[in-house]
Amino acid sequence: MESLIRFSEVRLAGVALLSKRAQGGTGKRIEGVKRGVHGPRDLARRCCFWAMAAALAGCAGLSDTFEVEPFLREQITGDTWRACLAREYQRQARVQLRFGEDWGAATLLASKGRAALAGEEVAPEIAATTELAAARQALETALNRRNENQCDCAVVQGKYDGWSIASGRKLDTGPIRTAFDGALKTCTTPR
């Protein structure tokens, strides 16, 4: 409300300065809008802004966080290991944002996807539970066949990382585990 009042005062002062009345017809002198002293709300607003900026800088890499959305908008084509892995990490980052609104996890997955596109070797997450340790062992076995079924095996690695993140956040991992098992079966099927 305060900003609207300021805007209208500025507009009225401008209109009055341009009209003939402001040029001496009324006898009143118009000098413009006085900004006044900043109140406690302005100080609180500034403190909140700087506190939020400091909190964002302390979280995940700020530049990585701002690069998540551009990565999600990219159209990744190709059927090489790098392209398929980047596409799967893109899909997993979207899932993290859509269902969990977890920007930290999406940032991690997006950075892995960008690394895959750049040709770097991207390792799966470290197993945090015994269930994930068994899945990690199955993943390692499946990745030995990645030259035969590149895209299918890339899906397995992406699903594993999504499962690892979901289990770390104490979410229901049943659907993710089922998707991982299906992708694992597709990856290990000889062609």
C-alpha atoms as a PDB file:
ATOM      1  CA  MET A   1       0.000   0.000   0.000  1.00  0.00           C
ATOM      2  CA  GLU A   2       2.838   2.334   0.874  1.00  0.00           C
ATOM      3  CA  SER A   3       4.453   1.896  -2.550  1.00  0.00           C
ATOM      4  CA  LEU A   4       1.163   2.732  -4.270  1.00  0.00           C
ATOM      5  CA  ILE A   5       0.875   5.911  -2.256  1.00  0.00           C
ATOM      6  CA  ARG A   6       4.392   6.921  -3.193  1.00  0.00           C
ATOM      7  CA  PHE A   7       3.710   6.206  -6.858  1.00  0.00           C
ATOM      8  CA  SER A   8       0.507   8.216  -6.844  1.00  0.00           C
ATOM      9  CA  GLU A   9       2.179  11.140  -5.043  1.00  0.00           C
ATOM     10  CA  VAL A  10       4.955  11.167  -7.627  1.00  0.00           C
ATOM     11  CA  ARG A  11       2.447  11.023 -10.449  1.00  0.00           C
ATOM     12  CA  LEU A  12       0.324  13.806  -8.989  1.00  0.00           C
ATOM     13  CA  ALA A  13       3.368  15.977  -8.445  1.00  0.00           C
ATOM     14  CA  GLY A  14       4.433  15.413 -12.041  1.00  0.00           C
ATOM     15  CA  VAL A  15       0.980  16.242 -13.364  1.00  0.00           C
ATOM     16  CA  ALA A  16       0.815  19.354 -11.177  1.00  0.00           C
ATOM     17  CA  LEU A  17       4.210  20.543 -12.362  1.00  0.00           C
ATOM     18  CA  LEU A  18       3.121  20.275 -15.959  1.00  0.00           C
ATOM     19  CA  SER A  19      -0.219  22.007 -15.487  1.00  0.00           C
ATOM     20  CA  LYS A  20      -0.666  25.775 -15.660  1.00  0.00           C
ATOM     21  CA  ARG A  21      -1.848  25.900 -12.051  1.00  0.00           C
ATOM     22  CA  ALA A  22       1.561  24.773 -10.844  1.00  0.00           C
ATOM     23  CA  GLN A  23       3.266  27.514 -12.778  1.00  0.00           C
ATOM     24  CA  GLY A  24       1.867  30.261 -10.579  1.00  0.00           C
ATOM     25  CA  GLY A  25      -1.896  30.214 -11.032  1.00  0.00           C
ATOM     26  CA  THR A  26      -2.648  28.940  -7.511  1.00  0.00           C
ATOM     27  CA  GLY A  27       0.055  30.660  -5.553  1.00  0.00           C
ATOM     28  CA  LYS A  28       1.259  27.280  -4.187  1.00  0.00           C
ATOM     29  CA  ARG A  29       4.743  26.146  -4.800  1.00  0.00           C
ATOM     30  CA  ILE A  30       5.191  22.454  -5.652  1.00  0.00           C
ATOM     31  CA  GLU A  31       8.619  21.041  -5.038  1.00  0.00           C
ATOM     32  CA  GLY A  32       8.069  17.317  -5.643  1.00  0.00           C
ATOM     33  CA  VAL A  33       7.765  14.321  -3.362  1.00  0.00           C
ATOM     34  CA  LYS A  34       9.624  14.149  -0.101  1.00  0.00           C
ATOM     35  CA  ARG A  35      11.096  10.716   0.572  1.00  0.00           C
ATOM     36  CA  GLY A  36      11.190  10.991   4.342  1.00  0.00           C
ATOM     37  CA  VAL A  37      13.129   9.021   6.918  1.00  0.00           C
ATOM     38  CA  HIS A  38      13.184   5.235   6.650  1.00  0.00           C
ATOM     39  CA  GLY A  39      11.080   3.579   9.321  1.00  0.00           C
ATOM     40  CA  PRO A  40      11.590   0.337  11.225  1.00  0.00           C
ATOM     41  CA  ARG A  41       9.814  -1.674   8.518  1.00  0.00           C
ATOM     42  CA  ASP A  42      12.349  -0.547   5.919  1.00  0.00           C
ATOM     43  CA  LEU A  43      15.194  -1.557   8.201  1.00  0.00           C
ATOM     44  CA  ALA A  44      13.589  -4.948   8.879  1.00  0.00           C
ATOM     45  CA  ARG A  45      13.025  -5.502   5.151  1.00  0.00           C
ATOM     46  CA  ARG A  46      16.683  -4.787   4.393  1.00  0.00           C
ATOM     47  CA  CYS A  47      17.890  -7.061   7.202  1.00  0.00           C
ATOM     48  CA  CYS A  48      15.665  -9.896   5.963  1.00  0.00           C
ATOM     49  CA  PHE A  49      16.999  -9.454   2.425  1.00  0.00           C
ATOM     50  CA  TRP A  50      20.624  -9.686   3.528  1.00  0.00           C
ATOM     51  CA  ALA A  51      19.894 -12.599   5.864  1.00  0.00           C
ATOM     52  CA  MET A  52      18.248 -14.536   3.038  1.00  0.00           C
ATOM     53  CA  ALA A  53      21.096 -13.733   0.668  1.00  0.00           C
ATOM     54  CA  ALA A  54      23.612 -14.992   3.245  1.00  0.00           C
ATOM     55  CA  ALA A  55      21.578 -18.170   3.818  1.00  0.00           C
ATOM     56  CA  LEU A  56      21.453 -18.894   0.091  1.00  0.00           C
ATOM     57  CA  ALA A  57      25.171 -18.326  -0.222  1.00  0.00           C
ATOM     58  CA  GLY A  58      25.784 -20.763   2.643  1.00  0.00           C
ATOM     59  CA  CYS A  59      23.688 -23.524   1.105  1.00  0.00           C
ATOM     60  CA  ALA A  60      24.587 -25.477  -1.999  1.00  0.00           C
ATOM     61  CA  GLY A  61      26.746 -23.787  -4.573  1.00  0.00           C
ATOM     62  CA  LEU A  62      24.722 -20.751  -5.520  1.00  0.00           C
ATOM     63  CA  SER A  63      25.783 -20.870  -9.142  1.00  0.00           C
ATOM     64  CA  ASP A  64      24.746 -24.536  -9.360  1.00  0.00           C
ATOM     65  CA  THR A  65      21.337 -23.774  -7.872  1.00  0.00           C
ATOM     66  CA  PHE A  66      20.657 -21.123 -10.463  1.00  0.00           C
ATOM     67  CA  GLU A  67      21.698 -23.518 -13.233  1.00  0.00           C
ATOM     68  CA  VAL A  68      19.136 -26.207 -12.329  1.00  0.00           C
ATOM     69  CA  GLU A  69      16.243 -24.694 -14.266  1.00  0.00           C
ATOM     70  CA  PRO A  70      18.267 -24.059 -17.454  1.00  0.00           C
ATOM     71  CA  PHE A  71      19.489 -27.675 -17.284  1.00  0.00           C
ATOM     72  CA  LEU A  72      15.912 -28.904 -16.901  1.00  0.00           C
ATOM     73  CA  ARG A  73      14.871 -26.930 -19.994  1.00  0.00           C
ATOM     74  CA  GLU A  74      17.599 -28.411 -22.180  1.00  0.00           C
ATOM     75  CA  GLN A  75      16.596 -30.931 -24.800  1.00  0.00           C
ATOM     76  CA  ILE A  76      19.210 -33.667 -24.608  1.00  0.00           C
ATOM     77  CA  THR A  77      19.340 -35.876 -27.696  1.00  0.00           C
ATOM     78  CA  GLY A  78      21.386 -38.886 -28.644  1.00  0.00           C
ATOM     79  CA  ASP A  79      21.734 -42.486 -27.572  1.00  0.00           C
ATOM     80  CA  THR A  80      25.270 -42.444 -26.215  1.00  0.00           C
ATOM     81  CA  TRP A  81      26.040 -43.266 -22.575  1.00  0.00           C
ATOM     82  CA  ARG A  82      26.661 -39.587 -21.796  1.00  0.00           C
ATOM     83  CA  ALA A  83      23.408 -38.343 -23.340  1.00  0.00           C
ATOM     84  CA  CYS A  84      21.287 -41.101 -21.819  1.00  0.00           C
ATOM     85  CA  LEU A  85      22.795 -40.593 -18.360  1.00  0.00           C
ATOM     86  CA  ALA A  86      22.310 -36.818 -18.554  1.00  0.00           C
ATOM     87  CA  ARG A  87      18.708 -37.313 -19.675  1.00  0.00           C
ATOM     88  CA  GLU A  88      18.032 -39.666 -16.760  1.00  0.00           C
ATOM     89  CA  TYR A  89      19.567 -37.248 -14.251  1.00  0.00           C
ATOM     90  CA  GLN A  90      17.407 -34.521 -15.780  1.00  0.00           C
ATOM     91  CA  ARG A  91      14.350 -36.712 -15.257  1.00  0.00           C
ATOM     92  CA  GLN A  92      15.335 -37.493 -11.657  1.00  0.00           C
ATOM     93  CA  ALA A  93      15.913 -33.785 -10.906  1.00  0.00           C
ATOM     94  CA  ARG A  94      12.413 -33.023 -12.212  1.00  0.00           C
ATOM     95  CA  VAL A  95      10.996 -35.741  -9.950  1.00  0.00           C
ATOM     96  CA  GLN A  96      12.782 -34.253  -6.935  1.00  0.00           C
ATOM     97  CA  LEU A  97      11.346 -30.817  -7.671  1.00  0.00           C
ATOM     98  CA  ARG A  98       7.867 -31.978  -8.581  1.00  0.00           C
ATOM     99  CA  PHE A  99       7.218 -34.333  -5.691  1.00  0.00           C
ATOM    100  CA  GLY A 100       9.646 -33.348  -2.962  1.00  0.00           C
ATOM    101  CA  GLU A 101      10.486 -29.745  -3.823  1.00  0.00           C
ATOM    102  CA  ASP A 102      14.043 -30.572  -2.810  1.00  0.00           C
ATOM    103  CA  TRP A 103      16.274 -28.040  -4.547  1.00  0.00           C
ATOM    104  CA  GLY A 104      19.408 -29.457  -2.946  1.00  0.00           C
ATOM    105  CA  ALA A 105      18.800 -32.888  -4.449  1.00  0.00           C
ATOM    106  CA  ALA A 106      17.819 -31.366  -7.791  1.00  0.00           C
ATOM    107  CA  THR A 107      21.034 -29.329  -7.769  1.00  0.00           C
ATOM    108  CA  LEU A 108      23.095 -32.460  -7.104  1.00  0.00           C
ATOM    109  CA  LEU A 109      21.369 -34.409  -9.871  1.00  0.00           C
ATOM    110  CA  ALA A 110      21.627 -31.522 -12.335  1.00  0.00           C
ATOM    111  CA  SER A 111      25.346 -31.146 -11.661  1.00  0.00           C
ATOM    112  CA  LYS A 112      25.785 -34.877 -12.277  1.00  0.00           C
ATOM    113  CA  GLY A 113      23.849 -34.541 -15.528  1.00  0.00           C
ATOM    114  CA  ARG A 114      25.993 -31.599 -16.667  1.00  0.00           C
ATOM    115  CA  ALA A 115      29.122 -33.576 -15.779  1.00  0.00           C
ATOM    116  CA  ALA A 116      27.875 -36.508 -17.859  1.00  0.00           C
ATOM    117  CA  LEU A 117      27.259 -34.189 -20.806  1.00  0.00           C
ATOM    118  CA  ALA A 118      30.777 -32.815 -20.416  1.00  0.00           C
ATOM    119  CA  GLY A 119      32.174 -36.351 -20.742  1.00  0.00           C
ATOM    120  CA  GLU A 120      33.222 -36.769 -17.122  1.00  0.00           C
ATOM    121  CA  GLU A 121      32.831 -40.115 -15.369  1.00  0.00           C
ATOM    122  CA  VAL A 122      29.852 -39.846 -12.992  1.00  0.00           C
ATOM    123  CA  ALA A 123      29.788 -42.257 -10.068  1.00  0.00           C
ATOM    124  CA  PRO A 124      26.570 -43.372  -8.373  1.00  0.00           C
ATOM    125  CA  GLU A 125      25.826 -42.235  -4.832  1.00  0.00           C
ATOM    126  CA  ILE A 126      27.328 -44.108  -1.894  1.00  0.00           C
ATOM    127  CA  ALA A 127      24.997 -46.673  -0.305  1.00  0.00           C
ATOM    128  CA  ALA A 128      23.668 -45.460   3.048  1.00  0.00           C
ATOM    129  CA  THR A 129      21.607 -48.509   4.018  1.00  0.00           C
ATOM    130  CA  THR A 130      22.015 -52.281   3.663  1.00  0.00           C
ATOM    131  CA  GLU A 131      19.185 -52.345   1.148  1.00  0.00           C
ATOM    132  CA  LEU A 132      20.958 -49.744  -0.956  1.00  0.00           C
ATOM    133  CA  ALA A 133      24.260 -51.624  -0.573  1.00  0.00           C
ATOM    134  CA  ALA A 134      22.678 -54.680  -2.203  1.00  0.00           C
ATOM    135  CA  ALA A 135      21.200 -52.491  -4.918  1.00  0.00           C
ATOM    136  CA  ARG A 136      24.588 -50.827  -5.444  1.00  0.00           C
ATOM    137  CA  GLN A 137      26.180 -54.229  -5.961  1.00  0.00           C
ATOM    138  CA  ALA A 138      23.506 -55.127  -8.530  1.00  0.00           C
ATOM    139  CA  LEU A 139      24.085 -51.726 -10.175  1.00  0.00           C
ATOM    140  CA  GLU A 140      27.831 -52.352 -10.441  1.00  0.00           C
ATOM    141  CA  THR A 141      27.159 -55.721 -12.080  1.00  0.00           C
ATOM    142  CA  ALA A 142      24.689 -54.141 -14.497  1.00  0.00           C
ATOM    143  CA  LEU A 143      27.062 -51.298 -15.391  1.00  0.00           C
ATOM    144  CA  ASN A 144      29.531 -53.868 -16.680  1.00  0.00           C
ATOM    145  CA  ARG A 145      27.097 -54.315 -19.588  1.00  0.00           C
ATOM    146  CA  ARG A 146      26.686 -50.604 -20.258  1.00  0.00           C
ATOM    147  CA  ASN A 147      28.385 -50.835 -23.656  1.00  0.00           C
ATOM    148  CA  GLU A 148      25.657 -53.225 -24.840  1.00  0.00           C
ATOM    149  CA  ASN A 149      22.603 -51.385 -23.446  1.00  0.00           C
ATOM    150  CA  GLN A 150      23.790 -47.824 -22.897  1.00  0.00           C
ATOM    151  CA  CYS A 151      20.478 -46.043 -22.377  1.00  0.00           C
ATOM    152  CA  ASP A 152      18.909 -48.820 -20.318  1.00  0.00           C
ATOM    153  CA  CYS A 153      21.919 -48.961 -17.992  1.00  0.00           C
ATOM    154  CA  ALA A 154      21.978 -45.162 -17.677  1.00  0.00           C
ATOM    155  CA  VAL A 155      18.384 -45.349 -16.455  1.00  0.00           C
ATOM    156  CA  VAL A 156      19.468 -47.852 -13.794  1.00  0.00           C
ATOM    157  CA  GLN A 157      22.159 -45.513 -12.467  1.00  0.00           C
ATOM    158  CA  GLY A 158      19.782 -42.538 -12.409  1.00  0.00           C
ATOM    159  CA  LYS A 159      17.068 -44.535 -10.643  1.00  0.00           C
ATOM    160  CA  TYR A 160      19.590 -45.728  -8.074  1.00  0.00           C
ATOM    161  CA  ASP A 161      20.627 -42.153  -7.288  1.00  0.00           C
ATOM    162  CA  GLY A 162      16.968 -41.119  -7.023  1.00  0.00           C
ATOM    163  CA  TRP A 163      16.362 -44.031  -4.660  1.00  0.00           C
ATOM    164  CA  SER A 164      19.407 -43.080  -2.587  1.00  0.00           C
ATOM    165  CA  ILE A 165      18.163 -39.499  -2.202  1.00  0.00           C
ATOM    166  CA  ALA A 166      14.624 -40.626  -1.318  1.00  0.00           C
ATOM    167  CA  SER A 167      15.870 -43.024   1.338  1.00  0.00           C
ATOM    168  CA  GLY A 168      18.036 -40.288   2.842  1.00  0.00           C
ATOM    169  CA  ARG A 169      14.957 -38.101   3.180  1.00  0.00           C
ATOM    170  CA  LYS A 170      12.954 -40.951   4.771  1.00  0.00           C
ATOM    171  CA  LEU A 171      10.407 -41.053   1.927  1.00  0.00           C
ATOM    172  CA  ASP A 172       8.457 -44.082   0.701  1.00  0.00           C
ATOM    173  CA  THR A 173      10.926 -45.887  -1.535  1.00  0.00           C
ATOM    174  CA  GLY A 174       8.581 -48.654  -2.713  1.00  0.00           C
ATOM    175  CA  PRO A 175       7.750 -47.160  -6.145  1.00  0.00           C
ATOM    176  CA  ILE A 176      11.352 -46.105  -6.705  1.00  0.00           C
ATOM    177  CA  ARG A 177      12.618 -49.583  -5.814  1.00  0.00           C
ATOM    178  CA  THR A 178      10.134 -51.138  -8.253  1.00  0.00           C
ATOM    179  CA  ALA A 179      11.244 -48.781 -11.027  1.00  0.00           C
ATOM    180  CA  PHE A 180      14.899 -49.566 -10.236  1.00  0.00           C
ATOM    181  CA  ASP A 181      14.256 -53.325 -10.404  1.00  0.00           C
ATOM    182  CA  GLY A 182      12.470 -52.967 -13.748  1.00  0.00           C
ATOM    183  CA  ALA A 183      15.287 -50.842 -15.191  1.00  0.00           C
ATOM    184  CA  LEU A 184      17.869 -53.298 -13.835  1.00  0.00           C
ATOM    185  CA  LYS A 185      16.113 -56.189 -15.576  1.00  0.00           C
ATOM    186  CA  THR A 186      16.004 -54.251 -18.862  1.00  0.00           C
ATOM    187  CA  CYS A 187      19.680 -53.335 -18.593  1.00  0.00           C
ATOM    188  CA  THR A 188      20.872 -56.885 -17.947  1.00  0.00           C
ATOM    189  CA  THR A 189      18.727 -58.499 -20.660  1.00  0.00           C
ATOM    190  CA  PRO A 190      21.016 -59.472 -23.560  1.00  0.00           C
ATOM    191  CA  ARG A 191      20.204 -58.020 -26.943  1.00  0.00           C
END
